[in-house]
Amino acid sequence: MIRWRKYDPERPPKSGVEYLISDGKFVDVAFFDDNLWFVPDISQINGSGAITHYAEINLPHDKAKLRLV
């Protein structure tokens, strides 16, 4: 399950991280750094001002592959 958070410029997410982003209709990825969103040039989201929600990208890991031998 993706845990979406409402984007609040007064409480920004951690810098230097790539996030899933949404404008309420479309989803894409964007890099957030120094209080700026870097949205891909080819995106259905109309720039950083359109972002309403974001989510951390947390892909599941195969625990068997992570075990140290």
C-alpha atoms as a PDB file:
ATOM      1  CA  MET A   1       0.000   0.000   0.000  1.00  0.00           C
ATOM      2  CA  ILE A   2       1.284   3.454  -0.862  1.00  0.00           C
ATOM      3  CA  ARG A   3       1.142   5.950   1.987  1.00  0.00           C
ATOM      4  CA  TRP A   4       0.382   9.299   0.349  1.00  0.00           C
ATOM      5  CA  ARG A   5       1.091  12.514   2.256  1.00  0.00           C
ATOM      6  CA  LYS A   6      -0.421  15.906   1.528  1.00  0.00           C
ATOM      7  CA  TYR A   7       2.330  18.256   0.342  1.00  0.00           C
ATOM      8  CA  ASP A   8       2.749  21.192   2.717  1.00  0.00           C
ATOM      9  CA  PRO A   9       5.533  23.674   1.799  1.00  0.00           C
ATOM     10  CA  GLU A  10       5.751  24.607   5.490  1.00  0.00           C
ATOM     11  CA  ARG A  11       6.586  20.977   6.322  1.00  0.00           C
ATOM     12  CA  PRO A  12       8.499  19.720   3.276  1.00  0.00           C
ATOM     13  CA  PRO A  13       9.733  16.164   2.795  1.00  0.00           C
ATOM     14  CA  LYS A  14      13.375  15.192   3.191  1.00  0.00           C
ATOM     15  CA  SER A  15      15.697  16.758   0.589  1.00  0.00           C
ATOM     16  CA  GLY A  16      17.821  14.757  -1.819  1.00  0.00           C
ATOM     17  CA  VAL A  17      15.177  12.062  -2.334  1.00  0.00           C
ATOM     18  CA  GLU A  18      13.063  10.923  -5.267  1.00  0.00           C
ATOM     19  CA  TYR A  19       9.329  10.584  -4.520  1.00  0.00           C
ATOM     20  CA  LEU A  20       6.124   9.520  -6.179  1.00  0.00           C
ATOM     21  CA  ILE A  21       4.097  12.685  -6.752  1.00  0.00           C
ATOM     22  CA  SER A  22       0.492  13.420  -7.679  1.00  0.00           C
ATOM     23  CA  ASP A  23      -1.643  16.368  -8.658  1.00  0.00           C
ATOM     24  CA  GLY A  24      -4.775  14.487  -7.622  1.00  0.00           C
ATOM     25  CA  LYS A  25      -5.266  13.057 -11.090  1.00  0.00           C
ATOM     26  CA  PHE A  26      -1.904  11.831 -12.402  1.00  0.00           C
ATOM     27  CA  VAL A  27       1.118  10.153 -10.796  1.00  0.00           C
ATOM     28  CA  ASP A  28       4.810  10.562 -11.661  1.00  0.00           C
ATOM     29  CA  VAL A  29       8.197  10.656  -9.951  1.00  0.00           C
ATOM     30  CA  ALA A  30      10.107  13.792  -8.979  1.00  0.00           C
ATOM     31  CA  PHE A  31      13.282  14.671  -7.137  1.00  0.00           C
ATOM     32  CA  PHE A  32      12.942  16.996  -4.128  1.00  0.00           C
ATOM     33  CA  ASP A  33      15.969  19.069  -3.069  1.00  0.00           C
ATOM     34  CA  ASP A  34      16.442  22.449  -1.348  1.00  0.00           C
ATOM     35  CA  ASN A  35      12.659  22.949  -1.121  1.00  0.00           C
ATOM     36  CA  LEU A  36      12.234  22.520  -4.895  1.00  0.00           C
ATOM     37  CA  TRP A  37      10.503  19.760  -6.848  1.00  0.00           C
ATOM     38  CA  PHE A  38      12.217  18.650 -10.054  1.00  0.00           C
ATOM     39  CA  VAL A  39       9.410  17.220 -12.189  1.00  0.00           C
ATOM     40  CA  PRO A  40      10.341  15.456 -15.446  1.00  0.00           C
ATOM     41  CA  ASP A  41       9.959  17.584 -18.569  1.00  0.00           C
ATOM     42  CA  ILE A  42       7.620  14.990 -20.077  1.00  0.00           C
ATOM     43  CA  SER A  43       5.005  14.614 -17.346  1.00  0.00           C
ATOM     44  CA  GLN A  44       1.229  14.856 -17.175  1.00  0.00           C
ATOM     45  CA  ILE A  45       1.719  16.828 -13.949  1.00  0.00           C
ATOM     46  CA  ASN A  46       1.899  20.508 -14.853  1.00  0.00           C
ATOM     47  CA  GLY A  47       5.019  21.560 -12.949  1.00  0.00           C
ATOM     48  CA  SER A  48       5.965  21.675  -9.301  1.00  0.00           C
ATOM     49  CA  GLY A  49       3.122  24.044  -8.362  1.00  0.00           C
ATOM     50  CA  ALA A  50       0.566  21.358  -9.250  1.00  0.00           C
ATOM     51  CA  ILE A  51       1.871  18.782  -6.750  1.00  0.00           C
ATOM     52  CA  THR A  52      -0.666  18.083  -4.021  1.00  0.00           C
ATOM     53  CA  HIS A  53       0.593  14.772  -2.607  1.00  0.00           C
ATOM     54  CA  TYR A  54       3.801  12.764  -2.427  1.00  0.00           C
ATOM     55  CA  ALA A  55       4.853   9.319  -1.254  1.00  0.00           C
ATOM     56  CA  GLU A  56       8.182   7.753  -0.362  1.00  0.00           C
ATOM     57  CA  ILE A  57       9.313   5.068  -2.764  1.00  0.00           C
ATOM     58  CA  ASN A  58       9.753   1.939  -0.667  1.00  0.00           C
ATOM     59  CA  LEU A  59      10.016  -1.142  -2.798  1.00  0.00           C
ATOM     60  CA  PRO A  60       9.707  -4.472  -0.986  1.00  0.00           C
ATOM     61  CA  HIS A  61      12.896  -6.452  -0.537  1.00  0.00           C
ATOM     62  CA  ASP A  62      13.386 -10.172  -0.814  1.00  0.00           C
ATOM     63  CA  LYS A  63      14.566 -11.030   2.707  1.00  0.00           C
ATOM     64  CA  ALA A  64      16.303 -14.189   1.459  1.00  0.00           C
ATOM     65  CA  LYS A  65      18.565 -12.095  -0.771  1.00  0.00           C
ATOM     66  CA  LEU A  66      19.409  -9.685   2.076  1.00  0.00           C
ATOM     67  CA  ARG A  67      20.697 -12.314   4.501  1.00  0.00           C
ATOM     68  CA  LEU A  68      24.407 -12.291   5.063  1.00  0.00           C
ATOM     69  CA  VAL A  69      26.113 -15.650   4.693  1.00  0.00           C
END
